[in-house]
Amino acid sequence: MIMPAKMLEETLNKKVALLLKDNRVLEGSLVGYDDYMNLVLDDAEEKAQDVNKKLGVVIVRGSNVVRMVPL
């Protein structure tokens, strides 16, 4: 089992997919994080069934993240 802080450190500057509480999926490069697991994604895209929406740089509050998967 990998600990969250170690996973964040190993995933820094790599592409990840985030599942959010509202069932949206964001994909982008993880460029930053803090002790509260707030995440900063660069080149972020919202992935949906019918359309992908480019968002650019986004900050995601850690409490909204259900799952993070390295891509």
PDB file of N, CA and C in Angstrom:
ATOM      1  N   MET A   1       0.845  -1.187   0.000  1.00  0.00           N
ATOM      2  CA  MET A   1       0.000   0.000   0.000  1.00  0.00           C
ATOM      3  C   MET A   1       0.888   1.247   0.000  1.00  0.00           C
ATOM      4  N   ILE A   2       0.590   2.175  -0.883  1.00  0.00           N
ATOM      5  CA  ILE A   2       1.383   3.397  -0.984  1.00  0.00           C
ATOM      6  C   ILE A   2       0.692   4.519  -0.213  1.00  0.00           C
ATOM      7  N   MET A   3       1.469   5.269   0.538  1.00  0.00           N
ATOM      8  CA  MET A   3       0.916   6.361   1.341  1.00  0.00           C
ATOM      9  C   MET A   3       0.634   7.568   0.446  1.00  0.00           C
ATOM     10  N   PRO A   4      -0.404   8.341   0.762  1.00  0.00           N
ATOM     11  CA  PRO A   4      -0.788   9.470  -0.096  1.00  0.00           C
ATOM     12  C   PRO A   4       0.340  10.477  -0.353  1.00  0.00           C
ATOM     13  N   ALA A   5       1.090  10.855   0.676  1.00  0.00           N
ATOM     14  CA  ALA A   5       2.157  11.846   0.492  1.00  0.00           C
ATOM     15  C   ALA A   5       3.232  11.314  -0.449  1.00  0.00           C
ATOM     16  N   LYS A   6       3.550  10.036  -0.320  1.00  0.00           N
ATOM     17  CA  LYS A   6       4.559   9.432  -1.191  1.00  0.00           C
ATOM     18  C   LYS A   6       4.053   9.369  -2.625  1.00  0.00           C
ATOM     19  N   MET A   7       2.782   9.038  -2.797  1.00  0.00           N
ATOM     20  CA  MET A   7       2.221   8.983  -4.142  1.00  0.00           C
ATOM     21  C   MET A   7       2.235  10.368  -4.785  1.00  0.00           C
ATOM     22  N   LEU A   8       1.872  11.400  -4.032  1.00  0.00           N
ATOM     23  CA  LEU A   8       1.897  12.763  -4.561  1.00  0.00           C
ATOM     24  C   LEU A   8       3.313  13.147  -4.991  1.00  0.00           C
ATOM     25  N   GLU A   9       4.270  12.830  -4.149  1.00  0.00           N
ATOM     26  CA  GLU A   9       5.670  13.152  -4.457  1.00  0.00           C
ATOM     27  C   GLU A   9       6.135  12.443  -5.730  1.00  0.00           C
ATOM     28  N   GLU A  10       5.784  11.160  -5.869  1.00  0.00           N
ATOM     29  CA  GLU A  10       6.204  10.383  -7.035  1.00  0.00           C
ATOM     30  C   GLU A  10       5.463  10.790  -8.303  1.00  0.00           C
ATOM     31  N   THR A  11       4.278  11.376  -8.165  1.00  0.00           N
ATOM     32  CA  THR A  11       3.443  11.724  -9.307  1.00  0.00           C
ATOM     33  C   THR A  11       3.645  13.171  -9.748  1.00  0.00           C
ATOM     34  N   LEU A  12       4.403  13.945  -8.989  1.00  0.00           N
ATOM     35  CA  LEU A  12       4.630  15.344  -9.318  1.00  0.00           C
ATOM     36  C   LEU A  12       5.203  15.472 -10.729  1.00  0.00           C
ATOM     37  N   ASN A  13       4.645  16.381 -11.507  1.00  0.00           N
ATOM     38  CA  ASN A  13       5.032  16.644 -12.906  1.00  0.00           C
ATOM     39  C   ASN A  13       4.692  15.501 -13.855  1.00  0.00           C
ATOM     40  N   LYS A  14       3.770  14.654 -13.455  1.00  0.00           N
ATOM     41  CA  LYS A  14       3.291  13.575 -14.319  1.00  0.00           C
ATOM     42  C   LYS A  14       1.792  13.718 -14.499  1.00  0.00           C
ATOM     43  N   LYS A  15       1.255  13.065 -15.518  1.00  0.00           N
ATOM     44  CA  LYS A  15      -0.176  13.154 -15.822  1.00  0.00           C
ATOM     45  C   LYS A  15      -0.977  12.282 -14.845  1.00  0.00           C
ATOM     46  N   VAL A  16      -2.097  12.842 -14.370  1.00  0.00           N
ATOM     47  CA  VAL A  16      -2.977  12.130 -13.440  1.00  0.00           C
ATOM     48  C   VAL A  16      -4.435  12.334 -13.867  1.00  0.00           C
ATOM     49  N   ALA A  17      -5.283  11.442 -13.385  1.00  0.00           N
ATOM     50  CA  ALA A  17      -6.733  11.596 -13.542  1.00  0.00           C
ATOM     51  C   ALA A  17      -7.325  11.694 -12.141  1.00  0.00           C
ATOM     52  N   LEU A  18      -8.196  12.672 -11.947  1.00  0.00           N
ATOM     53  CA  LEU A  18      -8.861  12.862 -10.654  1.00  0.00           C
ATOM     54  C   LEU A  18     -10.348  12.601 -10.818  1.00  0.00           C
ATOM     55  N   LEU A  19     -10.901  11.791  -9.925  1.00  0.00           N
ATOM     56  CA  LEU A  19     -12.347  11.640  -9.829  1.00  0.00           C
ATOM     57  C   LEU A  19     -12.789  12.542  -8.692  1.00  0.00           C
ATOM     58  N   LEU A  20     -13.717  13.454  -8.992  1.00  0.00           N
ATOM     59  CA  LEU A  20     -14.197  14.397  -7.990  1.00  0.00           C
ATOM     60  C   LEU A  20     -15.517  13.922  -7.391  1.00  0.00           C
ATOM     61  N   LYS A  21     -15.889  14.496  -6.257  1.00  0.00           N
ATOM     62  CA  LYS A  21     -17.121  14.110  -5.557  1.00  0.00           C
ATOM     63  C   LYS A  21     -18.366  14.235  -6.421  1.00  0.00           C
ATOM     64  N   ASP A  22     -18.371  15.187  -7.356  1.00  0.00           N
ATOM     65  CA  ASP A  22     -19.541  15.378  -8.214  1.00  0.00           C
ATOM     66  C   ASP A  22     -19.480  14.506  -9.476  1.00  0.00           C
ATOM     67  N   ASN A  23     -18.599  13.493  -9.457  1.00  0.00           N
ATOM     68  CA  ASN A  23     -18.421  12.510 -10.537  1.00  0.00           C
ATOM     69  C   ASN A  23     -17.757  13.067 -11.789  1.00  0.00           C
ATOM     70  N   ARG A  24     -17.240  14.290 -11.732  1.00  0.00           N
ATOM     71  CA  ARG A  24     -16.455  14.788 -12.868  1.00  0.00           C
ATOM     72  C   ARG A  24     -15.072  14.153 -12.821  1.00  0.00           C
ATOM     73  N   VAL A  25     -14.457  14.027 -14.001  1.00  0.00           N
ATOM     74  CA  VAL A  25     -13.090  13.514 -14.106  1.00  0.00           C
ATOM     75  C   VAL A  25     -12.229  14.605 -14.716  1.00  0.00           C
ATOM     76  N   LEU A  26     -11.136  14.940 -14.024  1.00  0.00           N
ATOM     77  CA  LEU A  26     -10.175  15.901 -14.533  1.00  0.00           C
ATOM     78  C   LEU A  26      -8.869  15.176 -14.819  1.00  0.00           C
ATOM     79  N   GLU A  27      -8.252  15.497 -15.952  1.00  0.00           N
ATOM     80  CA  GLU A  27      -6.933  14.959 -16.281  1.00  0.00           C
ATOM     81  C   GLU A  27      -5.998  16.121 -16.526  1.00  0.00           C
ATOM     82  N   GLY A  28      -4.770  15.976 -16.048  1.00  0.00           N
ATOM     83  CA  GLY A  28      -3.762  17.014 -16.264  1.00  0.00           C
ATOM     84  C   GLY A  28      -2.470  16.634 -15.583  1.00  0.00           C
ATOM     85  N   SER A  29      -1.479  17.510 -15.701  1.00  0.00           N
ATOM     86  CA  SER A  29      -0.176  17.282 -15.068  1.00  0.00           C
ATOM     87  C   SER A  29      -0.208  17.853 -13.657  1.00  0.00           C
ATOM     88  N   LEU A  30       0.136  17.029 -12.686  1.00  0.00           N
ATOM     89  CA  LEU A  30       0.181  17.470 -11.291  1.00  0.00           C
ATOM     90  C   LEU A  30       1.437  18.314 -11.098  1.00  0.00           C
ATOM     91  N   VAL A  31       1.258  19.616 -10.880  1.00  0.00           N
ATOM     92  CA  VAL A  31       2.414  20.504 -10.739  1.00  0.00           C
ATOM     93  C   VAL A  31       2.600  21.029  -9.316  1.00  0.00           C
ATOM     94  N   GLY A  32       1.624  20.748  -8.427  1.00  0.00           N
ATOM     95  CA  GLY A  32       1.778  21.193  -7.054  1.00  0.00           C
ATOM     96  C   GLY A  32       0.718  20.606  -6.140  1.00  0.00           C
ATOM     97  N   TYR A  33       1.029  20.624  -4.841  1.00  0.00           N
ATOM     98  CA  TYR A  33       0.100  20.144  -3.815  1.00  0.00           C
ATOM     99  C   TYR A  33       0.539  20.707  -2.473  1.00  0.00           C
ATOM    100  N   ASP A  34      -0.349  20.627  -1.492  1.00  0.00           N
ATOM    101  CA  ASP A  34       0.007  21.078  -0.148  1.00  0.00           C
ATOM    102  C   ASP A  34      -0.359  20.014   0.879  1.00  0.00           C
ATOM    103  N   ASP A  35      -0.194  20.348   2.151  1.00  0.00           N
ATOM    104  CA  ASP A  35      -0.442  19.389   3.232  1.00  0.00           C
ATOM    105  C   ASP A  35      -1.900  18.958   3.329  1.00  0.00           C
ATOM    106  N   TYR A  36      -2.823  19.737   2.749  1.00  0.00           N
ATOM    107  CA  TYR A  36      -4.248  19.410   2.792  1.00  0.00           C
ATOM    108  C   TYR A  36      -4.688  18.651   1.544  1.00  0.00           C
ATOM    109  N   MET A  37      -3.708  18.267   0.726  1.00  0.00           N
ATOM    110  CA  MET A  37      -3.940  17.545  -0.532  1.00  0.00           C
ATOM    111  C   MET A  37      -4.726  18.389  -1.536  1.00  0.00           C
ATOM    112  N   ASN A  38      -4.655  19.724  -1.404  1.00  0.00           N
ATOM    113  CA  ASN A  38      -5.135  20.577  -2.477  1.00  0.00           C
ATOM    114  C   ASN A  38      -4.158  20.377  -3.627  1.00  0.00           C
ATOM    115  N   LEU A  39      -4.669  20.255  -4.837  1.00  0.00           N
ATOM    116  CA  LEU A  39      -3.840  19.897  -5.977  1.00  0.00           C
ATOM    117  C   LEU A  39      -3.871  20.983  -7.037  1.00  0.00           C
ATOM    118  N   VAL A  40      -2.740  21.170  -7.704  1.00  0.00           N
ATOM    119  CA  VAL A  40      -2.656  22.096  -8.828  1.00  0.00           C
ATOM    120  C   VAL A  40      -2.355  21.261 -10.072  1.00  0.00           C
ATOM    121  N   LEU A  41      -3.247  21.368 -11.065  1.00  0.00           N
ATOM    122  CA  LEU A  41      -3.062  20.662 -12.337  1.00  0.00           C
ATOM    123  C   LEU A  41      -2.790  21.678 -13.434  1.00  0.00           C
ATOM    124  N   ASP A  42      -1.864  21.348 -14.324  1.00  0.00           N
ATOM    125  CA  ASP A  42      -1.594  22.161 -15.496  1.00  0.00           C
ATOM    126  C   ASP A  42      -2.122  21.421 -16.716  1.00  0.00           C
ATOM    127  N   ASP A  43      -2.510  22.148 -17.742  1.00  0.00           N
ATOM    128  CA  ASP A  43      -3.091  21.549 -18.964  1.00  0.00           C
ATOM    129  C   ASP A  43      -4.266  20.640 -18.619  1.00  0.00           C
ATOM    130  N   ALA A  44      -5.072  21.066 -17.658  1.00  0.00           N
ATOM    131  CA  ALA A  44      -6.193  20.240 -17.200  1.00  0.00           C
ATOM    132  C   ALA A  44      -7.316  20.207 -18.235  1.00  0.00           C
ATOM    133  N   GLU A  45      -7.969  19.053 -18.285  1.00  0.00           N
ATOM    134  CA  GLU A  45      -9.144  18.853 -19.133  1.00  0.00           C
ATOM    135  C   GLU A  45     -10.208  18.157 -18.312  1.00  0.00           C
ATOM    136  N   GLU A  46     -11.454  18.577 -18.492  1.00  0.00           N
ATOM    137  CA  GLU A  46     -12.580  17.862 -17.896  1.00  0.00           C
ATOM    138  C   GLU A  46     -13.036  16.833 -18.911  1.00  0.00           C
ATOM    139  N   LYS A  47     -12.998  15.573 -18.526  1.00  0.00           N
ATOM    140  CA  LYS A  47     -13.365  14.480 -19.421  1.00  0.00           C
ATOM    141  C   LYS A  47     -14.813  14.100 -19.168  1.00  0.00           C
ATOM    142  N   ALA A  48     -15.609  14.136 -20.224  1.00  0.00           N
ATOM    143  CA  ALA A  48     -17.012  13.740 -20.137  1.00  0.00           C
ATOM    144  C   ALA A  48     -17.290  12.749 -21.257  1.00  0.00           C
ATOM    145  N   GLN A  49     -18.438  12.108 -21.203  1.00  0.00           N
ATOM    146  CA  GLN A  49     -18.779  11.082 -22.202  1.00  0.00           C
ATOM    147  C   GLN A  49     -18.788  11.648 -23.607  1.00  0.00           C
ATOM    148  N   ASP A  50     -19.352  12.842 -23.768  1.00  0.00           N
ATOM    149  CA  ASP A  50     -19.542  13.363 -25.116  1.00  0.00           C
ATOM    150  C   ASP A  50     -18.570  14.463 -25.517  1.00  0.00           C
ATOM    151  N   VAL A  51     -17.929  15.124 -24.547  1.00  0.00           N
ATOM    152  CA  VAL A  51     -17.055  16.249 -24.894  1.00  0.00           C
ATOM    153  C   VAL A  51     -15.963  16.421 -23.835  1.00  0.00           C
ATOM    154  N   ASN A  52     -14.794  16.872 -24.286  1.00  0.00           N
ATOM    155  CA  ASN A  52     -13.698  17.196 -23.379  1.00  0.00           C
ATOM    156  C   ASN A  52     -13.554  18.712 -23.355  1.00  0.00           C
ATOM    157  N   LYS A  53     -13.443  19.273 -22.152  1.00  0.00           N
ATOM    158  CA  LYS A  53     -13.359  20.719 -21.998  1.00  0.00           C
ATOM    159  C   LYS A  53     -11.979  21.090 -21.461  1.00  0.00           C
ATOM    160  N   LYS A  54     -11.229  21.880 -22.212  1.00  0.00           N
ATOM    161  CA  LYS A  54      -9.911  22.323 -21.772  1.00  0.00           C
ATOM    162  C   LYS A  54     -10.069  23.413 -20.716  1.00  0.00           C
ATOM    163  N   LEU A  55      -9.336  23.253 -19.596  1.00  0.00           N
ATOM    164  CA  LEU A  55      -9.457  24.187 -18.484  1.00  0.00           C
ATOM    165  C   LEU A  55      -8.173  24.969 -18.209  1.00  0.00           C
ATOM    166  N   GLY A  56      -7.029  24.457 -18.637  1.00  0.00           N
ATOM    167  CA  GLY A  56      -5.754  25.118 -18.343  1.00  0.00           C
ATOM    168  C   GLY A  56      -5.272  24.761 -16.951  1.00  0.00           C
ATOM    169  N   VAL A  57      -4.841  25.765 -16.199  1.00  0.00           N
ATOM    170  CA  VAL A  57      -4.351  25.550 -14.833  1.00  0.00           C
ATOM    171  C   VAL A  57      -5.539  25.604 -13.873  1.00  0.00           C
ATOM    172  N   VAL A  58      -5.668  24.578 -13.027  1.00  0.00           N
ATOM    173  CA  VAL A  58      -6.750  24.546 -12.041  1.00  0.00           C
ATOM    174  C   VAL A  58      -6.204  24.168 -10.667  1.00  0.00           C
ATOM    175  N   ILE A  59      -6.876  24.658  -9.651  1.00  0.00           N
ATOM    176  CA  ILE A  59      -6.586  24.275  -8.264  1.00  0.00           C
ATOM    177  C   ILE A  59      -7.797  23.503  -7.774  1.00  0.00           C
ATOM    178  N   VAL A  60      -7.558  22.301  -7.291  1.00  0.00           N
ATOM    179  CA  VAL A  60      -8.650  21.429  -6.832  1.00  0.00           C
ATOM    180  C   VAL A  60      -8.516  21.250  -5.320  1.00  0.00           C
ATOM    181  N   ARG A  61      -9.557  21.592  -4.611  1.00  0.00           N
ATOM    182  CA  ARG A  61      -9.556  21.422  -3.151  1.00  0.00           C
ATOM    183  C   ARG A  61      -9.470  19.930  -2.818  1.00  0.00           C
ATOM    184  N   GLY A  62      -8.583  19.578  -1.931  1.00  0.00           N
ATOM    185  CA  GLY A  62      -8.339  18.181  -1.582  1.00  0.00           C
ATOM    186  C   GLY A  62      -9.568  17.437  -1.115  1.00  0.00           C
ATOM    187  N   SER A  63     -10.481  18.127  -0.433  1.00  0.00           N
ATOM    188  CA  SER A  63     -11.684  17.466   0.078  1.00  0.00           C
ATOM    189  C   SER A  63     -12.656  17.095  -1.024  1.00  0.00           C
ATOM    190  N   ASN A  64     -12.451  17.589  -2.243  1.00  0.00           N
ATOM    191  CA  ASN A  64     -13.319  17.233  -3.373  1.00  0.00           C
ATOM    192  C   ASN A  64     -12.808  16.045  -4.170  1.00  0.00           C
ATOM    193  N   VAL A  65     -11.606  15.584  -3.863  1.00  0.00           N
ATOM    194  CA  VAL A  65     -11.003  14.485  -4.623  1.00  0.00           C
ATOM    195  C   VAL A  65     -11.383  13.143  -4.000  1.00  0.00           C
ATOM    196  N   VAL A  66     -11.977  12.276  -4.807  1.00  0.00           N
ATOM    197  CA  VAL A  66     -12.328  10.928  -4.359  1.00  0.00           C
ATOM    198  C   VAL A  66     -11.184   9.970  -4.654  1.00  0.00           C
ATOM    199  N   ARG A  67     -10.606  10.134  -5.850  1.00  0.00           N
ATOM    200  CA  ARG A  67      -9.552   9.189  -6.271  1.00  0.00           C
ATOM    201  C   ARG A  67      -8.601   9.902  -7.228  1.00  0.00           C
ATOM    202  N   MET A  68      -7.305   9.569  -7.110  1.00  0.00           N
ATOM    203  CA  MET A  68      -6.291  10.065  -8.046  1.00  0.00           C
ATOM    204  C   MET A  68      -5.569   8.859  -8.630  1.00  0.00           C
ATOM    205  N   VAL A  69      -5.481   8.834  -9.962  1.00  0.00           N
ATOM    206  CA  VAL A  69      -4.837   7.716 -10.641  1.00  0.00           C
ATOM    207  C   VAL A  69      -3.742   8.265 -11.552  1.00  0.00           C
ATOM    208  N   PRO A  70      -2.503   7.796 -11.387  1.00  0.00           N
ATOM    209  CA  PRO A  70      -1.453   8.201 -12.329  1.00  0.00           C
ATOM    210  C   PRO A  70      -1.740   7.602 -13.714  1.00  0.00           C
ATOM    211  N   LEU A  71      -1.490   8.389 -14.764  1.00  0.00           N
ATOM    212  CA  LEU A  71      -1.724   7.903 -16.130  1.00  0.00           C
ATOM    213  C   LEU A  71      -0.411   7.571 -16.819  1.00  0.00           C
TER     214      LEU A  71
END
